[in-house]
Amino acid sequence: MNILKKYKNRVIELLIIAAGVRVSLGYVRYGIFSFLMCAVSTLFLAVCAISDIRTRTISGLWMDSGMVTIYGLRFCSVCHSCSNTVIVLFLARTILVLFILKLLPTILGEKIGDGDFDVAYVIYLSVGPIGVAGAFVIACIAALVIMLPVILKRHKNLKTCSVPFIPYLYIGYLVMQLMVKERIFI
């Protein structure tokens, strides 16, 4: 039992990586853009989830470079398969969504971290607006089911506890990736 407690975080990290690899490999048959989007997004989100579990922080440089890379992949995917009008719509929507997600931490105060919204933007780029909404719902349900007993057992109230939310967003993202049939969300 002590060995399980000692290596619990390592086991969780391995499960995070294994689940991501499994989901990414399912996209090989859909073409190079779909596979790259899924694989890069999954790798990026897995690293963010592991970092959130370990330190409750995510490197700003890592976050920005991941967002730019995934945005670039999505842009190339849209350019490859759409007209100029659709490309302009894609650019306008993604910039608007980024602006809104950057404002939300300020509006909500310190209740939710900035990294959670940056991860939500990556999920938006990967699975679209309905996918990010579904990932948030799944993440909230998973966090509630898994963390509520721990919170009630260890804390007197919800204000004294901090829950790393990105691992739950990652779970929601993986579920949404498994559910997605069409890879372009315009």
C-alpha atoms as a PDB file:
ATOM      1  CA  MET A   1       0.000   0.000   0.000  1.00  0.00           C
ATOM      2  CA  ASN A   2       2.847   2.404   0.733  1.00  0.00           C
ATOM      3  CA  ILE A   3       4.283   1.746  -2.728  1.00  0.00           C
ATOM      4  CA  LEU A   4       0.967   2.781  -4.304  1.00  0.00           C
ATOM      5  CA  LYS A   5       0.919   6.023  -2.305  1.00  0.00           C
ATOM      6  CA  LYS A   6       4.560   6.683  -3.158  1.00  0.00           C
ATOM      7  CA  TYR A   7       4.082   6.226  -6.903  1.00  0.00           C
ATOM      8  CA  LYS A   8       0.482   7.440  -7.209  1.00  0.00           C
ATOM      9  CA  ASN A   9       1.382  10.614  -9.118  1.00  0.00           C
ATOM     10  CA  ARG A  10       3.695   8.704 -11.472  1.00  0.00           C
ATOM     11  CA  VAL A  11       0.919   6.210 -12.213  1.00  0.00           C
ATOM     12  CA  ILE A  12      -1.496   9.075 -12.893  1.00  0.00           C
ATOM     13  CA  GLU A  13       1.059  10.716 -15.211  1.00  0.00           C
ATOM     14  CA  LEU A  14       1.564   7.462 -17.116  1.00  0.00           C
ATOM     15  CA  LEU A  15      -2.206   7.055 -17.466  1.00  0.00           C
ATOM     16  CA  ILE A  16      -2.470  10.628 -18.784  1.00  0.00           C
ATOM     17  CA  ILE A  17       0.187   9.945 -21.404  1.00  0.00           C
ATOM     18  CA  ALA A  18      -1.177   6.505 -22.364  1.00  0.00           C
ATOM     19  CA  ALA A  19      -4.716   7.836 -22.805  1.00  0.00           C
ATOM     20  CA  GLY A  20      -3.417  10.664 -24.987  1.00  0.00           C
ATOM     21  CA  VAL A  21      -1.381   8.319 -27.169  1.00  0.00           C
ATOM     22  CA  ARG A  22      -4.382   6.036 -27.592  1.00  0.00           C
ATOM     23  CA  VAL A  23      -6.699   8.863 -28.632  1.00  0.00           C
ATOM     24  CA  SER A  24      -4.087  10.388 -30.978  1.00  0.00           C
ATOM     25  CA  LEU A  25      -3.420   7.109 -32.762  1.00  0.00           C
ATOM     26  CA  GLY A  26      -7.114   6.885 -33.586  1.00  0.00           C
ATOM     27  CA  TYR A  27      -6.689   9.929 -35.843  1.00  0.00           C
ATOM     28  CA  VAL A  28      -4.016   8.436 -38.118  1.00  0.00           C
ATOM     29  CA  ARG A  29      -6.679   7.314 -40.597  1.00  0.00           C
ATOM     30  CA  TYR A  30      -8.187  10.815 -40.944  1.00  0.00           C
ATOM     31  CA  GLY A  31      -5.162  12.408 -42.616  1.00  0.00           C
ATOM     32  CA  ILE A  32      -2.027  14.211 -41.619  1.00  0.00           C
ATOM     33  CA  PHE A  33      -3.650  17.483 -40.475  1.00  0.00           C
ATOM     34  CA  SER A  34      -6.160  15.727 -38.245  1.00  0.00           C
ATOM     35  CA  PHE A  35      -3.522  13.460 -36.774  1.00  0.00           C
ATOM     36  CA  LEU A  36      -1.063  16.314 -36.166  1.00  0.00           C
ATOM     37  CA  MET A  37      -3.744  18.503 -34.578  1.00  0.00           C
ATOM     38  CA  CYS A  38      -4.808  15.710 -32.271  1.00  0.00           C
ATOM     39  CA  ALA A  39      -1.277  14.542 -31.421  1.00  0.00           C
ATOM     40  CA  VAL A  40       0.184  18.006 -30.779  1.00  0.00           C
ATOM     41  CA  SER A  41      -2.875  19.183 -28.825  1.00  0.00           C
ATOM     42  CA  THR A  42      -2.915  16.010 -26.782  1.00  0.00           C
ATOM     43  CA  LEU A  43       0.802  16.215 -26.014  1.00  0.00           C
ATOM     44  CA  PHE A  44       0.517  19.874 -25.062  1.00  0.00           C
ATOM     45  CA  LEU A  45      -2.518  19.302 -22.848  1.00  0.00           C
ATOM     46  CA  ALA A  46      -0.933  16.235 -21.214  1.00  0.00           C
ATOM     47  CA  VAL A  47       2.123  18.284 -20.246  1.00  0.00           C
ATOM     48  CA  CYS A  48      -0.153  21.038 -18.913  1.00  0.00           C
ATOM     49  CA  ALA A  49      -2.174  18.516 -16.889  1.00  0.00           C
ATOM     50  CA  ILE A  50       0.960  16.952 -15.394  1.00  0.00           C
ATOM     51  CA  SER A  51       2.387  20.386 -14.589  1.00  0.00           C
ATOM     52  CA  ASP A  52      -0.885  21.425 -12.942  1.00  0.00           C
ATOM     53  CA  ILE A  53      -0.895  18.277 -10.809  1.00  0.00           C
ATOM     54  CA  ARG A  54       2.737  18.756  -9.750  1.00  0.00           C
ATOM     55  CA  THR A  55       2.993  22.507  -9.199  1.00  0.00           C
ATOM     56  CA  ARG A  56      -0.446  24.063  -9.794  1.00  0.00           C
ATOM     57  CA  THR A  57       1.244  26.307 -12.392  1.00  0.00           C
ATOM     58  CA  ILE A  58       2.033  26.208 -16.095  1.00  0.00           C
ATOM     59  CA  SER A  59       4.970  27.925 -17.737  1.00  0.00           C
ATOM     60  CA  GLY A  60       3.858  30.999 -19.687  1.00  0.00           C
ATOM     61  CA  LEU A  61       6.439  30.306 -22.375  1.00  0.00           C
ATOM     62  CA  TRP A  62       5.196  26.727 -22.738  1.00  0.00           C
ATOM     63  CA  MET A  63       1.589  27.924 -22.858  1.00  0.00           C
ATOM     64  CA  ASP A  64       2.220  30.609 -25.476  1.00  0.00           C
ATOM     65  CA  SER A  65       4.370  28.384 -27.690  1.00  0.00           C
ATOM     66  CA  GLY A  66       1.781  25.595 -27.507  1.00  0.00           C
ATOM     67  CA  MET A  67      -1.069  27.943 -28.350  1.00  0.00           C
ATOM     68  CA  VAL A  68       0.811  29.401 -31.335  1.00  0.00           C
ATOM     69  CA  THR A  69       1.761  25.946 -32.632  1.00  0.00           C
ATOM     70  CA  ILE A  70      -1.763  24.578 -32.345  1.00  0.00           C
ATOM     71  CA  TYR A  71      -3.230  27.757 -33.837  1.00  0.00           C
ATOM     72  CA  GLY A  72      -0.819  27.404 -36.752  1.00  0.00           C
ATOM     73  CA  LEU A  73      -1.800  23.784 -37.305  1.00  0.00           C
ATOM     74  CA  ARG A  74      -5.505  24.639 -37.203  1.00  0.00           C
ATOM     75  CA  PHE A  75      -4.956  27.558 -39.578  1.00  0.00           C
ATOM     76  CA  CYS A  76      -3.103  25.303 -42.049  1.00  0.00           C
ATOM     77  CA  SER A  77      -5.891  22.755 -41.787  1.00  0.00           C
ATOM     78  CA  VAL A  78      -8.536  25.386 -42.516  1.00  0.00           C
ATOM     79  CA  CYS A  79      -6.496  26.862 -45.388  1.00  0.00           C
ATOM     80  CA  HIS A  80      -6.050  23.404 -46.864  1.00  0.00           C
ATOM     81  CA  SER A  81      -9.749  22.690 -47.058  1.00  0.00           C
ATOM     82  CA  CYS A  82     -11.672  25.984 -47.231  1.00  0.00           C
ATOM     83  CA  SER A  83     -12.255  29.152 -49.226  1.00  0.00           C
ATOM     84  CA  ASN A  84     -10.870  32.624 -48.443  1.00  0.00           C
ATOM     85  CA  THR A  85     -14.158  33.744 -46.882  1.00  0.00           C
ATOM     86  CA  VAL A  86     -14.091  30.835 -44.449  1.00  0.00           C
ATOM     87  CA  ILE A  87     -10.461  31.584 -43.589  1.00  0.00           C
ATOM     88  CA  VAL A  88     -11.338  35.190 -42.681  1.00  0.00           C
ATOM     89  CA  LEU A  89     -14.259  33.938 -40.565  1.00  0.00           C
ATOM     90  CA  PHE A  90     -11.933  31.455 -38.844  1.00  0.00           C
ATOM     91  CA  LEU A  91      -9.411  34.195 -38.044  1.00  0.00           C
ATOM     92  CA  ALA A  92     -12.090  36.546 -36.703  1.00  0.00           C
ATOM     93  CA  ARG A  93     -13.724  33.887 -34.536  1.00  0.00           C
ATOM     94  CA  THR A  94     -10.530  32.491 -33.069  1.00  0.00           C
ATOM     95  CA  ILE A  95      -9.211  35.955 -32.206  1.00  0.00           C
ATOM     96  CA  LEU A  96     -12.571  36.891 -30.627  1.00  0.00           C
ATOM     97  CA  VAL A  97     -12.634  33.670 -28.580  1.00  0.00           C
ATOM     98  CA  LEU A  98      -9.032  34.266 -27.429  1.00  0.00           C
ATOM     99  CA  PHE A  99      -9.919  37.823 -26.397  1.00  0.00           C
ATOM    100  CA  ILE A 100     -12.945  36.633 -24.408  1.00  0.00           C
ATOM    101  CA  LEU A 101     -10.991  33.831 -22.725  1.00  0.00           C
ATOM    102  CA  LYS A 102      -8.223  36.279 -21.768  1.00  0.00           C
ATOM    103  CA  LEU A 103     -10.823  38.591 -20.159  1.00  0.00           C
ATOM    104  CA  LEU A 104     -12.627  35.911 -18.144  1.00  0.00           C
ATOM    105  CA  PRO A 105      -9.942  35.460 -15.433  1.00  0.00           C
ATOM    106  CA  THR A 106     -10.111  39.196 -14.737  1.00  0.00           C
ATOM    107  CA  ILE A 107     -13.889  39.137 -14.572  1.00  0.00           C
ATOM    108  CA  LEU A 108     -14.034  36.029 -12.362  1.00  0.00           C
ATOM    109  CA  GLY A 109     -11.229  37.142 -10.067  1.00  0.00           C
ATOM    110  CA  GLU A 110      -8.927  34.548  -8.568  1.00  0.00           C
ATOM    111  CA  LYS A 111     -11.480  31.734  -8.588  1.00  0.00           C
ATOM    112  CA  ILE A 112     -10.164  30.152 -11.779  1.00  0.00           C
ATOM    113  CA  GLY A 113      -6.574  30.340 -12.978  1.00  0.00           C
ATOM    114  CA  ASP A 114      -5.434  31.968 -16.214  1.00  0.00           C
ATOM    115  CA  GLY A 115      -3.958  28.665 -17.406  1.00  0.00           C
ATOM    116  CA  ASP A 116      -7.373  27.013 -17.323  1.00  0.00           C
ATOM    117  CA  PHE A 117      -8.663  29.477 -19.915  1.00  0.00           C
ATOM    118  CA  ASP A 118      -5.532  29.131 -22.052  1.00  0.00           C
ATOM    119  CA  VAL A 119      -6.077  25.377 -22.033  1.00  0.00           C
ATOM    120  CA  ALA A 120      -9.729  26.000 -22.929  1.00  0.00           C
ATOM    121  CA  TYR A 121      -8.529  27.967 -25.971  1.00  0.00           C
ATOM    122  CA  VAL A 122      -6.356  25.057 -27.083  1.00  0.00           C
ATOM    123  CA  ILE A 123      -9.328  22.734 -26.649  1.00  0.00           C
ATOM    124  CA  TYR A 124     -11.433  25.197 -28.661  1.00  0.00           C
ATOM    125  CA  LEU A 125      -8.889  25.097 -31.486  1.00  0.00           C
ATOM    126  CA  SER A 126      -8.833  21.299 -31.353  1.00  0.00           C
ATOM    127  CA  VAL A 127     -12.501  20.356 -31.028  1.00  0.00           C
ATOM    128  CA  GLY A 128     -14.421  23.574 -31.727  1.00  0.00           C
ATOM    129  CA  PRO A 129     -16.934  25.568 -29.695  1.00  0.00           C
ATOM    130  CA  ILE A 130     -19.296  22.680 -28.961  1.00  0.00           C
ATOM    131  CA  GLY A 131     -16.320  20.493 -28.071  1.00  0.00           C
ATOM    132  CA  VAL A 132     -14.922  23.007 -25.587  1.00  0.00           C
ATOM    133  CA  ALA A 133     -18.351  23.363 -23.960  1.00  0.00           C
ATOM    134  CA  GLY A 134     -18.632  19.575 -23.731  1.00  0.00           C
ATOM    135  CA  ALA A 135     -15.103  19.305 -22.346  1.00  0.00           C
ATOM    136  CA  PHE A 136     -15.959  21.860 -19.631  1.00  0.00           C
ATOM    137  CA  VAL A 137     -19.133  19.985 -18.665  1.00  0.00           C
ATOM    138  CA  ILE A 138     -17.262  16.672 -18.523  1.00  0.00           C
ATOM    139  CA  ALA A 139     -14.421  18.312 -16.572  1.00  0.00           C
ATOM    140  CA  CYS A 140     -16.800  19.786 -14.015  1.00  0.00           C
ATOM    141  CA  ILE A 141     -18.613  16.489 -13.523  1.00  0.00           C
ATOM    142  CA  ALA A 142     -15.331  14.546 -13.234  1.00  0.00           C
ATOM    143  CA  ALA A 143     -13.873  17.074 -10.781  1.00  0.00           C
ATOM    144  CA  LEU A 144     -17.048  17.017  -8.705  1.00  0.00           C
ATOM    145  CA  VAL A 145     -17.214  13.214  -8.568  1.00  0.00           C
ATOM    146  CA  ILE A 146     -13.511  12.740  -7.853  1.00  0.00           C
ATOM    147  CA  MET A 147     -12.721  15.736  -5.654  1.00  0.00           C
ATOM    148  CA  LEU A 148     -15.897  16.365  -3.644  1.00  0.00           C
ATOM    149  CA  PRO A 149     -15.279  13.511  -1.183  1.00  0.00           C
ATOM    150  CA  VAL A 150     -11.652  14.635  -0.755  1.00  0.00           C
ATOM    151  CA  ILE A 151     -12.670  18.249  -0.252  1.00  0.00           C
ATOM    152  CA  LEU A 152     -15.362  17.351   2.269  1.00  0.00           C
ATOM    153  CA  LYS A 153     -12.959  15.105   4.155  1.00  0.00           C
ATOM    154  CA  ARG A 154      -9.942  17.461   4.293  1.00  0.00           C
ATOM    155  CA  HIS A 155     -11.373  20.998   4.228  1.00  0.00           C
ATOM    156  CA  LYS A 156     -13.912  22.825   6.302  1.00  0.00           C
ATOM    157  CA  ASN A 157     -15.184  24.838   3.353  1.00  0.00           C
ATOM    158  CA  LEU A 158     -14.634  25.178  -0.365  1.00  0.00           C
ATOM    159  CA  LYS A 159     -12.750  28.470  -0.032  1.00  0.00           C
ATOM    160  CA  THR A 160      -9.747  26.774   1.609  1.00  0.00           C
ATOM    161  CA  CYS A 161      -9.137  24.244  -1.132  1.00  0.00           C
ATOM    162  CA  SER A 162      -7.404  24.441  -4.495  1.00  0.00           C
ATOM    163  CA  VAL A 163      -8.171  21.871  -7.183  1.00  0.00           C
ATOM    164  CA  PRO A 164      -5.940  21.451 -10.240  1.00  0.00           C
ATOM    165  CA  PHE A 165      -8.592  21.747 -12.950  1.00  0.00           C
ATOM    166  CA  ILE A 166      -6.484  21.176 -16.074  1.00  0.00           C
ATOM    167  CA  PRO A 167      -6.304  17.377 -15.599  1.00  0.00           C
ATOM    168  CA  TYR A 168     -10.100  17.329 -15.624  1.00  0.00           C
ATOM    169  CA  LEU A 169     -10.172  19.539 -18.725  1.00  0.00           C
ATOM    170  CA  TYR A 170      -7.776  17.037 -20.279  1.00  0.00           C
ATOM    171  CA  ILE A 171     -10.204  14.208 -19.498  1.00  0.00           C
ATOM    172  CA  GLY A 172     -13.027  16.234 -21.067  1.00  0.00           C
ATOM    173  CA  TYR A 173     -10.854  16.970 -24.100  1.00  0.00           C
ATOM    174  CA  LEU A 174     -10.032  13.280 -24.609  1.00  0.00           C
ATOM    175  CA  VAL A 175     -13.701  12.330 -24.374  1.00  0.00           C
ATOM    176  CA  MET A 176     -14.605  15.034 -26.888  1.00  0.00           C
ATOM    177  CA  GLN A 177     -11.811  13.898 -29.231  1.00  0.00           C
ATOM    178  CA  LEU A 178     -13.263  10.409 -29.119  1.00  0.00           C
ATOM    179  CA  MET A 179     -16.699  11.804 -29.954  1.00  0.00           C
ATOM    180  CA  VAL A 180     -15.643  14.137 -32.780  1.00  0.00           C
ATOM    181  CA  LYS A 181     -16.342  12.907 -36.285  1.00  0.00           C
ATOM    182  CA  GLU A 182     -15.721  16.053 -38.350  1.00  0.00           C
ATOM    183  CA  ARG A 183     -12.389  17.838 -37.756  1.00  0.00           C
ATOM    184  CA  ILE A 184     -13.166  21.345 -38.998  1.00  0.00           C
ATOM    185  CA  PHE A 185     -15.224  23.676 -36.795  1.00  0.00           C
ATOM    186  CA  ILE A 186     -16.109  26.928 -38.460  1.00  0.00           C
END
